[in-house]
Amino acid sequence: MAKTVTLLILIAMTGMAAAAGTGRSAGGVKAGLLLSFAENDEKSSIYNMPTAKFGPKAGIFYRLALSSVISIQPELQFALKGTHYYSVSIRNTRSVHFYYLEVPIMLNAMVIHKVLEIFAGPYGAILLGYNPSDKSDWTWEENELKDDDYGVCLGIRFWRRDFSLELQFARGFTDVLPSFDRGHHNMTIALQFGYRLFR
């Protein structure tokens, strides 16, 4: 799967280079918060009452207009996912963090000209790291966290001149922490502010 993610990155970068300077391209930055959801306690391979947690999500985007309505938008984003869990060792709630580099490729459809658009598309992600590194505190020691993920995302985006506000839902298809009949799938809701640097 890491090869697939790498291929997505190359496709995105090739598209950016090919379209630059055509008058149909734009790009900028975006940042905000995401809320990661946990599998329920009976299904999760993250044990001891996993619950949802907030984390940052930020990166860059590039969009290529195919028409006055439709555009393609590859992105490169850093996302901190994971859950809260109850740590038996300290008898308190702690967090497990999964650090990802994500490459979503969105198909945008402008519903209200220059104001409102909807979007959907696939994403690939590479795991950059995680903590705490002592897995015995939050999952079984023999469980291996997969180094990639892929899934789909969809959402809605509002524009005000060069500023945007979007709400996005993402669902991972990869069981990133498989363990017999348990597992963990990345599922998030993100709220991000964006700014268009050029067009």
C-alpha atoms as a PDB file:
ATOM      1  CA  MET A   1       0.000   0.000   0.000  1.00  0.00           C
ATOM      2  CA  ALA A   2       2.934   2.349   0.581  1.00  0.00           C
ATOM      3  CA  LYS A   3       3.683   2.082  -3.154  1.00  0.00           C
ATOM      4  CA  THR A   4       0.099   3.106  -3.898  1.00  0.00           C
ATOM      5  CA  VAL A   5       0.394   6.163  -1.671  1.00  0.00           C
ATOM      6  CA  THR A   6       3.703   7.102  -3.291  1.00  0.00           C
ATOM      7  CA  LEU A   7       2.089   6.778  -6.723  1.00  0.00           C
ATOM      8  CA  LEU A   8      -0.747   9.075  -5.631  1.00  0.00           C
ATOM      9  CA  ILE A   9       1.786  11.665  -4.521  1.00  0.00           C
ATOM     10  CA  LEU A  10       3.601  11.489  -7.867  1.00  0.00           C
ATOM     11  CA  ILE A  11       0.352  11.814  -9.810  1.00  0.00           C
ATOM     12  CA  ALA A  12      -0.663  14.835  -7.717  1.00  0.00           C
ATOM     13  CA  MET A  13       2.701  16.549  -8.151  1.00  0.00           C
ATOM     14  CA  THR A  14       2.753  15.836 -11.895  1.00  0.00           C
ATOM     15  CA  GLY A  15      -0.679  17.392 -12.263  1.00  0.00           C
ATOM     16  CA  MET A  16       0.418  20.479 -10.381  1.00  0.00           C
ATOM     17  CA  ALA A  17       3.507  20.944 -12.537  1.00  0.00           C
ATOM     18  CA  ALA A  18       1.612  20.416 -15.789  1.00  0.00           C
ATOM     19  CA  ALA A  19      -1.145  22.895 -14.965  1.00  0.00           C
ATOM     20  CA  ALA A  20       0.919  25.663 -13.396  1.00  0.00           C
ATOM     21  CA  GLY A  21       0.597  28.900 -15.291  1.00  0.00           C
ATOM     22  CA  THR A  22      -2.396  27.835 -17.368  1.00  0.00           C
ATOM     23  CA  GLY A  23      -4.786  30.262 -15.667  1.00  0.00           C
ATOM     24  CA  ARG A  24      -6.966  27.376 -14.514  1.00  0.00           C
ATOM     25  CA  SER A  25      -4.960  26.547 -11.405  1.00  0.00           C
ATOM     26  CA  ALA A  26      -5.002  27.766  -7.815  1.00  0.00           C
ATOM     27  CA  GLY A  27      -3.349  26.733  -4.588  1.00  0.00           C
ATOM     28  CA  GLY A  28      -3.090  27.560  -0.931  1.00  0.00           C
ATOM     29  CA  VAL A  29      -2.894  26.380   2.638  1.00  0.00           C
ATOM     30  CA  LYS A  30      -5.414  24.976   5.091  1.00  0.00           C
ATOM     31  CA  ALA A  31      -5.399  24.110   8.787  1.00  0.00           C
ATOM     32  CA  GLY A  32      -7.795  23.086  11.499  1.00  0.00           C
ATOM     33  CA  LEU A  33      -8.892  20.384  13.899  1.00  0.00           C
ATOM     34  CA  LEU A  34      -9.971  16.807  13.346  1.00  0.00           C
ATOM     35  CA  LEU A  35     -11.908  14.529  15.657  1.00  0.00           C
ATOM     36  CA  SER A  36     -10.858  10.861  15.544  1.00  0.00           C
ATOM     37  CA  PHE A  37     -13.432   8.260  16.475  1.00  0.00           C
ATOM     38  CA  ALA A  38     -12.606   4.961  18.170  1.00  0.00           C
ATOM     39  CA  GLU A  39     -14.066   1.535  17.534  1.00  0.00           C
ATOM     40  CA  ASN A  40     -16.357   0.477  20.360  1.00  0.00           C
ATOM     41  CA  ASP A  41     -14.773  -1.316  23.307  1.00  0.00           C
ATOM     42  CA  GLU A  42     -15.864  -4.782  22.169  1.00  0.00           C
ATOM     43  CA  LYS A  43     -14.367  -4.395  18.677  1.00  0.00           C
ATOM     44  CA  SER A  44     -11.308  -2.211  19.249  1.00  0.00           C
ATOM     45  CA  SER A  45      -7.750  -3.544  19.366  1.00  0.00           C
ATOM     46  CA  ILE A  46      -6.983  -0.415  21.423  1.00  0.00           C
ATOM     47  CA  TYR A  47      -8.120  -1.666  24.775  1.00  0.00           C
ATOM     48  CA  ASN A  48      -9.364  -0.022  27.985  1.00  0.00           C
ATOM     49  CA  MET A  49     -12.317   2.126  26.957  1.00  0.00           C
ATOM     50  CA  PRO A  50     -11.089   3.939  23.806  1.00  0.00           C
ATOM     51  CA  THR A  51     -12.832   7.238  23.119  1.00  0.00           C
ATOM     52  CA  ALA A  52     -12.670  10.010  20.519  1.00  0.00           C
ATOM     53  CA  LYS A  53      -9.897  12.620  20.564  1.00  0.00           C
ATOM     54  CA  PHE A  54      -9.033  15.905  18.851  1.00  0.00           C
ATOM     55  CA  GLY A  55      -5.855  16.560  16.875  1.00  0.00           C
ATOM     56  CA  PRO A  56      -4.470  19.061  14.338  1.00  0.00           C
ATOM     57  CA  LYS A  57      -4.694  18.699  10.573  1.00  0.00           C
ATOM     58  CA  ALA A  58      -2.844  21.067   8.222  1.00  0.00           C
ATOM     59  CA  GLY A  59      -1.247  21.197   4.795  1.00  0.00           C
ATOM     60  CA  ILE A  60      -1.356  22.552   1.270  1.00  0.00           C
ATOM     61  CA  PHE A  61      -3.810  22.188  -1.582  1.00  0.00           C
ATOM     62  CA  TYR A  62      -3.778  22.679  -5.320  1.00  0.00           C
ATOM     63  CA  ARG A  63      -6.827  22.861  -7.569  1.00  0.00           C
ATOM     64  CA  LEU A  64      -7.190  22.571 -11.305  1.00  0.00           C
ATOM     65  CA  ALA A  65     -10.445  23.828 -12.831  1.00  0.00           C
ATOM     66  CA  LEU A  66     -11.932  21.482 -15.428  1.00  0.00           C
ATOM     67  CA  SER A  67     -14.916  23.778 -15.949  1.00  0.00           C
ATOM     68  CA  SER A  68     -16.700  26.602 -14.153  1.00  0.00           C
ATOM     69  CA  VAL A  69     -18.265  23.972 -11.877  1.00  0.00           C
ATOM     70  CA  ILE A  70     -15.876  21.007 -11.622  1.00  0.00           C
ATOM     71  CA  SER A  71     -12.300  21.006 -10.333  1.00  0.00           C
ATOM     72  CA  ILE A  72      -9.733  18.453  -9.159  1.00  0.00           C
ATOM     73  CA  GLN A  73      -7.929  19.148  -5.902  1.00  0.00           C
ATOM     74  CA  PRO A  74      -4.924  17.096  -4.710  1.00  0.00           C
ATOM     75  CA  GLU A  75      -3.681  17.903  -1.227  1.00  0.00           C
ATOM     76  CA  LEU A  76      -0.744  17.099   1.027  1.00  0.00           C
ATOM     77  CA  GLN A  77      -1.662  17.155   4.711  1.00  0.00           C
ATOM     78  CA  PHE A  78      -0.293  16.236   8.119  1.00  0.00           C
ATOM     79  CA  ALA A  79      -2.893  14.668  10.402  1.00  0.00           C
ATOM     80  CA  LEU A  80      -2.684  13.564  14.008  1.00  0.00           C
ATOM     81  CA  LYS A  81      -5.163  10.763  14.674  1.00  0.00           C
ATOM     82  CA  GLY A  82      -5.676   8.289  17.490  1.00  0.00           C
ATOM     83  CA  THR A  83      -7.822   7.846  20.598  1.00  0.00           C
ATOM     84  CA  HIS A  84      -7.984   8.404  24.305  1.00  0.00           C
ATOM     85  CA  TYR A  85      -7.712   5.256  26.412  1.00  0.00           C
ATOM     86  CA  TYR A  86      -7.591   4.314  30.069  1.00  0.00           C
ATOM     87  CA  SER A  87      -4.029   3.564  31.172  1.00  0.00           C
ATOM     88  CA  VAL A  88      -3.901   0.853  33.812  1.00  0.00           C
ATOM     89  CA  SER A  89      -0.281   1.730  34.660  1.00  0.00           C
ATOM     90  CA  ILE A  90      -1.094   5.288  35.773  1.00  0.00           C
ATOM     91  CA  ARG A  91      -4.809   4.726  36.436  1.00  0.00           C
ATOM     92  CA  ASN A  92      -5.798   7.694  34.340  1.00  0.00           C
ATOM     93  CA  THR A  93      -6.817   8.617  30.788  1.00  0.00           C
ATOM     94  CA  ARG A  94      -4.044   9.021  28.224  1.00  0.00           C
ATOM     95  CA  SER A  95      -3.826   9.451  24.454  1.00  0.00           C
ATOM     96  CA  VAL A  96      -2.323   7.303  21.723  1.00  0.00           C
ATOM     97  CA  HIS A  97      -1.238   9.387  18.709  1.00  0.00           C
ATOM     98  CA  PHE A  98      -0.902   8.227  15.098  1.00  0.00           C
ATOM     99  CA  TYR A  99       0.999  10.698  12.874  1.00  0.00           C
ATOM    100  CA  TYR A 100       0.044  10.517   9.184  1.00  0.00           C
ATOM    101  CA  LEU A 101       1.051  12.220   5.946  1.00  0.00           C
ATOM    102  CA  GLU A 102      -2.101  12.190   3.821  1.00  0.00           C
ATOM    103  CA  VAL A 103      -2.662  12.675   0.099  1.00  0.00           C
ATOM    104  CA  PRO A 104      -6.370  13.221  -0.674  1.00  0.00           C
ATOM    105  CA  ILE A 105      -7.451  13.797  -4.268  1.00  0.00           C
ATOM    106  CA  MET A 106     -10.807  15.581  -4.305  1.00  0.00           C
ATOM    107  CA  LEU A 107     -13.339  16.110  -7.022  1.00  0.00           C
ATOM    108  CA  ASN A 108     -15.040  19.456  -6.311  1.00  0.00           C
ATOM    109  CA  ALA A 109     -18.436  20.548  -7.592  1.00  0.00           C
ATOM    110  CA  MET A 110     -19.399  24.227  -7.176  1.00  0.00           C
ATOM    111  CA  VAL A 111     -23.069  24.323  -6.138  1.00  0.00           C
ATOM    112  CA  ILE A 112     -23.326  28.089  -5.656  1.00  0.00           C
ATOM    113  CA  HIS A 113     -20.874  30.054  -7.785  1.00  0.00           C
ATOM    114  CA  LYS A 114     -17.832  31.182  -5.747  1.00  0.00           C
ATOM    115  CA  VAL A 115     -19.664  30.452  -2.487  1.00  0.00           C
ATOM    116  CA  LEU A 116     -20.487  26.797  -1.868  1.00  0.00           C
ATOM    117  CA  GLU A 117     -19.065  23.536  -3.157  1.00  0.00           C
ATOM    118  CA  ILE A 118     -19.253  19.864  -2.283  1.00  0.00           C
ATOM    119  CA  PHE A 119     -16.368  17.429  -2.693  1.00  0.00           C
ATOM    120  CA  ALA A 120     -15.463  13.759  -2.474  1.00  0.00           C
ATOM    121  CA  GLY A 121     -12.514  11.546  -3.304  1.00  0.00           C
ATOM    122  CA  PRO A 122     -10.003   8.932  -2.171  1.00  0.00           C
ATOM    123  CA  TYR A 123      -7.037   9.415   0.105  1.00  0.00           C
ATOM    124  CA  GLY A 124      -3.833   7.531   0.774  1.00  0.00           C
ATOM    125  CA  ALA A 125      -1.752   7.997   3.914  1.00  0.00           C
ATOM    126  CA  ILE A 126       1.682   7.037   5.215  1.00  0.00           C
ATOM    127  CA  LEU A 127       2.246   6.489   8.926  1.00  0.00           C
ATOM    128  CA  LEU A 128       5.085   8.733  10.127  1.00  0.00           C
ATOM    129  CA  GLY A 129       5.109   7.433  13.690  1.00  0.00           C
ATOM    130  CA  TYR A 130       3.099   6.881  16.850  1.00  0.00           C
ATOM    131  CA  ASN A 131       3.309   7.260  20.607  1.00  0.00           C
ATOM    132  CA  PRO A 132       3.446   6.092  23.284  1.00  0.00           C
ATOM    133  CA  SER A 133       5.893   3.575  21.867  1.00  0.00           C
ATOM    134  CA  ASP A 134       5.196   1.149  24.729  1.00  0.00           C
ATOM    135  CA  LYS A 135       2.299  -0.655  23.095  1.00  0.00           C
ATOM    136  CA  SER A 136       1.628  -2.791  26.147  1.00  0.00           C
ATOM    137  CA  ASP A 137      -0.068   0.246  27.689  1.00  0.00           C
ATOM    138  CA  TRP A 138      -2.714   0.607  24.957  1.00  0.00           C
ATOM    139  CA  THR A 139      -2.792  -2.565  22.852  1.00  0.00           C
ATOM    140  CA  TRP A 140      -1.364  -6.058  22.793  1.00  0.00           C
ATOM    141  CA  GLU A 141       2.415  -5.985  22.382  1.00  0.00           C
ATOM    142  CA  GLU A 142       2.379  -8.301  19.353  1.00  0.00           C
ATOM    143  CA  ASN A 143      -0.028  -6.057  17.410  1.00  0.00           C
ATOM    144  CA  GLU A 144       1.686  -4.279  14.502  1.00  0.00           C
ATOM    145  CA  LEU A 145       0.410  -0.875  13.438  1.00  0.00           C
ATOM    146  CA  LYS A 146       0.287  -0.821   9.627  1.00  0.00           C
ATOM    147  CA  ASP A 147       2.443   1.812   7.955  1.00  0.00           C
ATOM    148  CA  ASP A 148      -0.214   2.978   5.480  1.00  0.00           C
ATOM    149  CA  ASP A 149      -3.927   3.628   5.168  1.00  0.00           C
ATOM    150  CA  TYR A 150      -6.391   4.417   2.427  1.00  0.00           C
ATOM    151  CA  GLY A 151     -10.021   5.448   2.345  1.00  0.00           C
ATOM    152  CA  VAL A 152     -12.488   8.053   1.142  1.00  0.00           C
ATOM    153  CA  CYS A 153     -13.481  11.521   2.242  1.00  0.00           C
ATOM    154  CA  LEU A 154     -16.372  13.827   1.444  1.00  0.00           C
ATOM    155  CA  GLY A 155     -17.576  17.175   2.625  1.00  0.00           C
ATOM    156  CA  ILE A 156     -18.764  20.696   2.040  1.00  0.00           C
ATOM    157  CA  ARG A 157     -16.760  23.901   1.602  1.00  0.00           C
ATOM    158  CA  PHE A 158     -17.750  27.578   1.853  1.00  0.00           C
ATOM    159  CA  TRP A 159     -15.800  30.340   0.119  1.00  0.00           C
ATOM    160  CA  ARG A 160     -15.543  34.039   0.952  1.00  0.00           C
ATOM    161  CA  ARG A 161     -13.173  35.603  -1.565  1.00  0.00           C
ATOM    162  CA  ASP A 162      -9.876  33.762  -0.981  1.00  0.00           C
ATOM    163  CA  PHE A 163     -10.885  32.284   2.383  1.00  0.00           C
ATOM    164  CA  SER A 164     -12.598  28.931   2.854  1.00  0.00           C
ATOM    165  CA  LEU A 165     -14.211  26.945   5.640  1.00  0.00           C
ATOM    166  CA  GLU A 166     -14.834  23.248   5.157  1.00  0.00           C
ATOM    167  CA  LEU A 167     -16.286  20.314   7.027  1.00  0.00           C
ATOM    168  CA  GLN A 168     -14.940  16.926   5.972  1.00  0.00           C
ATOM    169  CA  PHE A 169     -15.702  13.326   6.910  1.00  0.00           C
ATOM    170  CA  ALA A 170     -13.105  10.626   6.204  1.00  0.00           C
ATOM    171  CA  ARG A 171     -13.354   6.852   6.573  1.00  0.00           C
ATOM    172  CA  GLY A 172     -10.362   4.552   6.327  1.00  0.00           C
ATOM    173  CA  PHE A 173     -10.788   1.150   4.688  1.00  0.00           C
ATOM    174  CA  THR A 174      -7.586  -0.316   6.149  1.00  0.00           C
ATOM    175  CA  ASP A 175      -7.648  -2.141   9.462  1.00  0.00           C
ATOM    176  CA  VAL A 176      -4.506  -0.404  10.690  1.00  0.00           C
ATOM    177  CA  LEU A 177      -4.220  -2.418  13.919  1.00  0.00           C
ATOM    178  CA  PRO A 178      -5.594  -5.933  13.258  1.00  0.00           C
ATOM    179  CA  SER A 179      -5.832  -8.384  16.150  1.00  0.00           C
ATOM    180  CA  PHE A 180      -7.883 -11.573  15.723  1.00  0.00           C
ATOM    181  CA  ASP A 181     -11.534 -10.422  15.753  1.00  0.00           C
ATOM    182  CA  ARG A 182     -10.611  -6.860  16.771  1.00  0.00           C
ATOM    183  CA  GLY A 183      -9.175  -3.926  14.838  1.00  0.00           C
ATOM    184  CA  HIS A 184      -9.015  -0.191  14.322  1.00  0.00           C
ATOM    185  CA  HIS A 185     -10.113   1.903  11.328  1.00  0.00           C
ATOM    186  CA  ASN A 186      -9.297   5.599  11.082  1.00  0.00           C
ATOM    187  CA  MET A 187     -12.526   7.597  10.994  1.00  0.00           C
ATOM    188  CA  THR A 188     -12.470  11.377  11.379  1.00  0.00           C
ATOM    189  CA  ILE A 189     -14.414  14.599  11.050  1.00  0.00           C
ATOM    190  CA  ALA A 190     -12.296  17.676  10.294  1.00  0.00           C
ATOM    191  CA  LEU A 191     -13.037  21.396  10.353  1.00  0.00           C
ATOM    192  CA  GLN A 192     -10.466  23.407   8.401  1.00  0.00           C
ATOM    193  CA  PHE A 193      -9.886  27.015   7.407  1.00  0.00           C
ATOM    194  CA  GLY A 194      -8.157  27.642   4.095  1.00  0.00           C
ATOM    195  CA  TYR A 195      -6.531  30.527   2.273  1.00  0.00           C
ATOM    196  CA  ARG A 196      -5.935  30.679  -1.477  1.00  0.00           C
ATOM    197  CA  LEU A 197      -2.404  31.994  -2.044  1.00  0.00           C
ATOM    198  CA  PHE A 198      -2.551  32.180  -5.831  1.00  0.00           C
ATOM    199  CA  ARG A 199      -4.937  31.694  -8.742  1.00  0.00           C
END
